[in-house]
Amino acid sequence: MGYKKGDEVAARKDLGGVTRDSVPAGSKGTVTKTSWTGEPTEATFRVGNESRTIRVNGREVR
């Protein structure tokens, strides 16, 4: 299944680490960039009162 910019996604697991902001599992977000194959490469998640845009791959979101 391919994603498009603006599609809704949810984090499958806790995302984050040393090089990117932390996003808890189950957080809902919006795809902001995709690869030419339709894989999401970046998404913006709402965490509390803050928006966090992080790089993702297709296995991390659904």
PDB file of N, CA and C in Angstrom:
ATOM      1  N   MET A   1       0.843  -1.176   0.000  1.00  0.00           N
ATOM      2  CA  MET A   1       0.000   0.000   0.000  1.00  0.00           C
ATOM      3  C   MET A   1       0.887   1.237   0.000  1.00  0.00           C
ATOM      4  N   GLY A   2       0.624   2.162  -0.859  1.00  0.00           N
ATOM      5  CA  GLY A   2       1.406   3.385  -0.933  1.00  0.00           C
ATOM      6  C   GLY A   2       0.774   4.502  -0.118  1.00  0.00           C
ATOM      7  N   TYR A   3       1.608   5.337   0.408  1.00  0.00           N
ATOM      8  CA  TYR A   3       1.158   6.505   1.155  1.00  0.00           C
ATOM      9  C   TYR A   3       1.324   7.742   0.292  1.00  0.00           C
ATOM     10  N   LYS A   4       0.512   8.763   0.577  1.00  0.00           N
ATOM     11  CA  LYS A   4       0.621  10.048  -0.091  1.00  0.00           C
ATOM     12  C   LYS A   4       0.789  11.123   0.979  1.00  0.00           C
ATOM     13  N   LYS A   5       1.318  12.251   0.594  1.00  0.00           N
ATOM     14  CA  LYS A   5       1.445  13.380   1.510  1.00  0.00           C
ATOM     15  C   LYS A   5       0.058  13.728   2.047  1.00  0.00           C
ATOM     16  N   GLY A   6      -0.053  13.862   3.365  1.00  0.00           N
ATOM     17  CA  GLY A   6      -1.327  14.190   3.995  1.00  0.00           C
ATOM     18  C   GLY A   6      -2.057  12.990   4.579  1.00  0.00           C
ATOM     19  N   ASP A   7      -1.614  11.763   4.268  1.00  0.00           N
ATOM     20  CA  ASP A   7      -2.244  10.566   4.829  1.00  0.00           C
ATOM     21  C   ASP A   7      -2.005  10.491   6.334  1.00  0.00           C
ATOM     22  N   GLU A   8      -2.995   9.978   7.052  1.00  0.00           N
ATOM     23  CA  GLU A   8      -2.884   9.789   8.502  1.00  0.00           C
ATOM     24  C   GLU A   8      -2.120   8.503   8.795  1.00  0.00           C
ATOM     25  N   VAL A   9      -1.236   8.545   9.790  1.00  0.00           N
ATOM     26  CA  VAL A   9      -0.487   7.370  10.228  1.00  0.00           C
ATOM     27  C   VAL A   9      -0.446   7.348  11.750  1.00  0.00           C
ATOM     28  N   ALA A  10      -0.049   6.201  12.307  1.00  0.00           N
ATOM     29  CA  ALA A  10       0.154   6.065  13.751  1.00  0.00           C
ATOM     30  C   ALA A  10       1.478   5.346  13.978  1.00  0.00           C
ATOM     31  N   ALA A  11       2.180   5.733  15.021  1.00  0.00           N
ATOM     32  CA  ALA A  11       3.464   5.102  15.348  1.00  0.00           C
ATOM     33  C   ALA A  11       3.208   3.693  15.872  1.00  0.00           C
ATOM     34  N   ARG A  12       3.848   2.686  15.293  1.00  0.00           N
ATOM     35  CA  ARG A  12       3.698   1.293  15.738  1.00  0.00           C
ATOM     36  C   ARG A  12       4.410   1.039  17.053  1.00  0.00           C
ATOM     37  N   LYS A  13       5.501   1.756  17.282  1.00  0.00           N
ATOM     38  CA  LYS A  13       6.320   1.568  18.483  1.00  0.00           C
ATOM     39  C   LYS A  13       6.838   2.933  18.908  1.00  0.00           C
ATOM     40  N   ASP A  14       7.495   2.993  20.054  1.00  0.00           N
ATOM     41  CA  ASP A  14       8.120   4.242  20.474  1.00  0.00           C
ATOM     42  C   ASP A  14       9.194   4.604  19.460  1.00  0.00           C
ATOM     43  N   LEU A  15       9.110   5.807  18.932  1.00  0.00           N
ATOM     44  CA  LEU A  15      10.089   6.274  17.958  1.00  0.00           C
ATOM     45  C   LEU A  15      10.987   7.303  18.622  1.00  0.00           C
ATOM     46  N   GLY A  16      12.189   7.386  18.160  1.00  0.00           N
ATOM     47  CA  GLY A  16      13.106   8.384  18.699  1.00  0.00           C
ATOM     48  C   GLY A  16      14.469   7.794  18.933  1.00  0.00           C
ATOM     49  N   GLY A  17      15.309   8.603  19.462  1.00  0.00           N
ATOM     50  CA  GLY A  17      16.674   8.174  19.715  1.00  0.00           C
ATOM     51  C   GLY A  17      17.588   9.371  19.801  1.00  0.00           C
ATOM     52  N   VAL A  18      18.842   9.122  19.573  1.00  0.00           N
ATOM     53  CA  VAL A  18      19.844  10.173  19.690  1.00  0.00           C
ATOM     54  C   VAL A  18      19.671  11.239  18.613  1.00  0.00           C
ATOM     55  N   THR A  19      19.317  10.824  17.400  1.00  0.00           N
ATOM     56  CA  THR A  19      19.287  11.766  16.281  1.00  0.00           C
ATOM     57  C   THR A  19      17.896  12.279  15.917  1.00  0.00           C
ATOM     58  N   ARG A  20      16.856  11.862  16.625  1.00  0.00           N
ATOM     59  CA  ARG A  20      15.516  12.368  16.308  1.00  0.00           C
ATOM     60  C   ARG A  20      14.671  12.471  17.564  1.00  0.00           C
ATOM     61  N   ASP A  21      13.635  13.323  17.499  1.00  0.00           N
ATOM     62  CA  ASP A  21      12.749  13.541  18.641  1.00  0.00           C
ATOM     63  C   ASP A  21      12.004  12.266  19.009  1.00  0.00           C
ATOM     64  N   SER A  22      11.594  12.179  20.255  1.00  0.00           N
ATOM     65  CA  SER A  22      10.868  11.018  20.765  1.00  0.00           C
ATOM     66  C   SER A  22       9.374  11.159  20.482  1.00  0.00           C
ATOM     67  N   VAL A  23       8.772  10.064  20.007  1.00  0.00           N
ATOM     68  CA  VAL A  23       7.331   9.996  19.751  1.00  0.00           C
ATOM     69  C   VAL A  23       6.831   8.687  20.346  1.00  0.00           C
ATOM     70  N   PRO A  24       5.861   8.735  21.290  1.00  0.00           N
ATOM     71  CA  PRO A  24       5.355   7.505  21.901  1.00  0.00           C
ATOM     72  C   PRO A  24       4.563   6.637  20.913  1.00  0.00           C
ATOM     73  N   ALA A  25       4.553   5.333  21.162  1.00  0.00           N
ATOM     74  CA  ALA A  25       3.768   4.400  20.344  1.00  0.00           C
ATOM     75  C   ALA A  25       2.301   4.803  20.371  1.00  0.00           C
ATOM     76  N   GLY A  26       1.629   4.664  19.244  1.00  0.00           N
ATOM     77  CA  GLY A  26       0.214   4.990  19.143  1.00  0.00           C
ATOM     78  C   GLY A  26      -0.071   6.438  18.794  1.00  0.00           C
ATOM     79  N   SER A  27       0.959   7.280  18.790  1.00  0.00           N
ATOM     80  CA  SER A  27       0.758   8.691  18.437  1.00  0.00           C
ATOM     81  C   SER A  27       0.303   8.796  16.990  1.00  0.00           C
ATOM     82  N   LYS A  28      -0.658   9.665  16.747  1.00  0.00           N
ATOM     83  CA  LYS A  28      -1.169   9.860  15.394  1.00  0.00           C
ATOM     84  C   LYS A  28      -0.421  11.004  14.727  1.00  0.00           C
ATOM     85  N   GLY A  29      -0.209  10.849  13.428  1.00  0.00           N
ATOM     86  CA  GLY A  29       0.520  11.867  12.687  1.00  0.00           C
ATOM     87  C   GLY A  29       0.080  11.935  11.241  1.00  0.00           C
ATOM     88  N   THR A  30       0.743  12.800  10.497  1.00  0.00           N
ATOM     89  CA  THR A  30       0.445  13.027   9.094  1.00  0.00           C
ATOM     90  C   THR A  30       1.724  12.880   8.282  1.00  0.00           C
ATOM     91  N   VAL A  31       1.641  12.164   7.170  1.00  0.00           N
ATOM     92  CA  VAL A  31       2.790  11.993   6.285  1.00  0.00           C
ATOM     93  C   VAL A  31       3.105  13.337   5.627  1.00  0.00           C
ATOM     94  N   THR A  32       4.382  13.748   5.695  1.00  0.00           N
ATOM     95  CA  THR A  32       4.796  15.000   5.062  1.00  0.00           C
ATOM     96  C   THR A  32       5.691  14.769   3.848  1.00  0.00           C
ATOM     97  N   LYS A  33       6.363  13.611   3.772  1.00  0.00           N
ATOM     98  CA  LYS A  33       7.194  13.269   2.608  1.00  0.00           C
ATOM     99  C   LYS A  33       7.115  11.769   2.366  1.00  0.00           C
ATOM    100  N   THR A  34       7.169  11.386   1.085  1.00  0.00           N
ATOM    101  CA  THR A  34       7.199   9.970   0.716  1.00  0.00           C
ATOM    102  C   THR A  34       8.310   9.740  -0.300  1.00  0.00           C
ATOM    103  N   SER A  35       8.718   8.483  -0.409  1.00  0.00           N
ATOM    104  CA  SER A  35       9.682   8.115  -1.449  1.00  0.00           C
ATOM    105  C   SER A  35       8.917   7.903  -2.753  1.00  0.00           C
ATOM    106  N   TRP A  36       9.632   7.682  -3.837  1.00  0.00           N
ATOM    107  CA  TRP A  36       8.967   7.457  -5.121  1.00  0.00           C
ATOM    108  C   TRP A  36       8.191   6.149  -5.135  1.00  0.00           C
ATOM    109  N   THR A  37       8.478   5.234  -4.186  1.00  0.00           N
ATOM    110  CA  THR A  37       7.753   3.962  -4.106  1.00  0.00           C
ATOM    111  C   THR A  37       6.511   4.052  -3.219  1.00  0.00           C
ATOM    112  N   GLY A  38       6.277   5.204  -2.601  1.00  0.00           N
ATOM    113  CA  GLY A  38       5.106   5.366  -1.746  1.00  0.00           C
ATOM    114  C   GLY A  38       5.357   5.081  -0.281  1.00  0.00           C
ATOM    115  N   GLU A  39       6.616   4.834   0.100  1.00  0.00           N
ATOM    116  CA  GLU A  39       6.958   4.624   1.516  1.00  0.00           C
ATOM    117  C   GLU A  39       7.036   5.982   2.210  1.00  0.00           C
ATOM    118  N   PRO A  40       6.453   6.096   3.410  1.00  0.00           N
ATOM    119  CA  PRO A  40       6.596   7.363   4.131  1.00  0.00           C
ATOM    120  C   PRO A  40       8.044   7.546   4.588  1.00  0.00           C
ATOM    121  N   THR A  41       8.597   8.739   4.398  1.00  0.00           N
ATOM    122  CA  THR A  41       9.967   9.017   4.829  1.00  0.00           C
ATOM    123  C   THR A  41      10.013  10.083   5.914  1.00  0.00           C
ATOM    124  N   GLU A  42       8.925  10.844   6.065  1.00  0.00           N
ATOM    125  CA  GLU A  42       8.862  11.867   7.105  1.00  0.00           C
ATOM    126  C   GLU A  42       7.402  12.058   7.505  1.00  0.00           C
ATOM    127  N   ALA A  43       7.175  12.244   8.803  1.00  0.00           N
ATOM    128  CA  ALA A  43       5.818  12.456   9.298  1.00  0.00           C
ATOM    129  C   ALA A  43       5.857  13.455  10.449  1.00  0.00           C
ATOM    130  N   THR A  44       4.756  14.185  10.609  1.00  0.00           N
ATOM    131  CA  THR A  44       4.611  15.124  11.717  1.00  0.00           C
ATOM    132  C   THR A  44       3.624  14.527  12.706  1.00  0.00           C
ATOM    133  N   PHE A  45       4.068  14.385  13.956  1.00  0.00           N
ATOM    134  CA  PHE A  45       3.242  13.826  15.019  1.00  0.00           C
ATOM    135  C   PHE A  45       2.906  14.913  16.027  1.00  0.00           C
ATOM    136  N   ARG A  46       1.732  14.823  16.619  1.00  0.00           N
ATOM    137  CA  ARG A  46       1.313  15.742  17.676  1.00  0.00           C
ATOM    138  C   ARG A  46       1.567  15.039  19.000  1.00  0.00           C
ATOM    139  N   VAL A  47       2.431  15.613  19.841  1.00  0.00           N
ATOM    140  CA  VAL A  47       2.763  15.052  21.154  1.00  0.00           C
ATOM    141  C   VAL A  47       2.505  16.146  22.177  1.00  0.00           C
ATOM    142  N   GLY A  48       1.411  15.990  22.936  1.00  0.00           N
ATOM    143  CA  GLY A  48       1.026  17.050  23.872  1.00  0.00           C
ATOM    144  C   GLY A  48       0.658  18.300  23.094  1.00  0.00           C
ATOM    145  N   ASN A  49       1.264  19.420  23.444  1.00  0.00           N
ATOM    146  CA  ASN A  49       1.012  20.685  22.747  1.00  0.00           C
ATOM    147  C   ASN A  49       2.054  20.972  21.677  1.00  0.00           C
ATOM    148  N   GLU A  50       2.837  19.978  21.320  1.00  0.00           N
ATOM    149  CA  GLU A  50       3.980  20.178  20.439  1.00  0.00           C
ATOM    150  C   GLU A  50       3.856  19.317  19.183  1.00  0.00           C
ATOM    151  N   SER A  51       4.253  19.859  18.043  1.00  0.00           N
ATOM    152  CA  SER A  51       4.343  19.089  16.799  1.00  0.00           C
ATOM    153  C   SER A  51       5.784  18.661  16.604  1.00  0.00           C
ATOM    154  N   ARG A  52       5.984  17.397  16.250  1.00  0.00           N
ATOM    155  CA  ARG A  52       7.328  16.867  16.022  1.00  0.00           C
ATOM    156  C   ARG A  52       7.382  16.227  14.647  1.00  0.00           C
ATOM    157  N   THR A  53       8.255  16.733  13.811  1.00  0.00           N
ATOM    158  CA  THR A  53       8.457  16.178  12.478  1.00  0.00           C
ATOM    159  C   THR A  53       9.712  15.326  12.517  1.00  0.00           C
ATOM    160  N   ILE A  54       9.550  14.036  12.210  1.00  0.00           N
ATOM    161  CA  ILE A  54      10.693  13.121  12.266  1.00  0.00           C
ATOM    162  C   ILE A  54      10.749  12.263  11.007  1.00  0.00           C
ATOM    163  N   ARG A  55      11.940  11.746  10.717  1.00  0.00           N
ATOM    164  CA  ARG A  55      12.115  10.793   9.627  1.00  0.00           C
ATOM    165  C   ARG A  55      11.602   9.434  10.093  1.00  0.00           C
ATOM    166  N   VAL A  56      10.873   8.751   9.226  1.00  0.00           N
ATOM    167  CA  VAL A  56      10.314   7.435   9.547  1.00  0.00           C
ATOM    168  C   VAL A  56      10.524   6.508   8.355  1.00  0.00           C
ATOM    169  N   ASN A  57      10.257   5.221   8.583  1.00  0.00           N
ATOM    170  CA  ASN A  57      10.192   4.282   7.460  1.00  0.00           C
ATOM    171  C   ASN A  57       8.869   3.531   7.568  1.00  0.00           C
ATOM    172  N   GLY A  58       8.515   2.802   6.535  1.00  0.00           N
ATOM    173  CA  GLY A  58       7.217   2.137   6.467  1.00  0.00           C
ATOM    174  C   GLY A  58       6.955   1.125   7.562  1.00  0.00           C
ATOM    175  N   ARG A  59       7.999   0.555   8.159  1.00  0.00           N
ATOM    176  CA  ARG A  59       7.818  -0.435   9.225  1.00  0.00           C
ATOM    177  C   ARG A  59       7.499   0.216  10.567  1.00  0.00           C
ATOM    178  N   GLU A  60       7.740   1.511  10.703  1.00  0.00           N
ATOM    179  CA  GLU A  60       7.531   2.194  11.978  1.00  0.00           C
ATOM    180  C   GLU A  60       6.141   2.803  12.121  1.00  0.00           C
ATOM    181  N   VAL A  61       5.412   2.922  11.016  1.00  0.00           N
ATOM    182  CA  VAL A  61       4.075   3.518  11.053  1.00  0.00           C
ATOM    183  C   VAL A  61       3.079   2.594  10.370  1.00  0.00           C
ATOM    184  N   ARG A  62       1.809   2.818  10.653  1.00  0.00           N
ATOM    185  CA  ARG A  62       0.753   2.041   9.979  1.00  0.00           C
ATOM    186  C   ARG A  62      -0.379   2.953   9.603  1.00  0.00           C
TER     187      ARG A  62
END
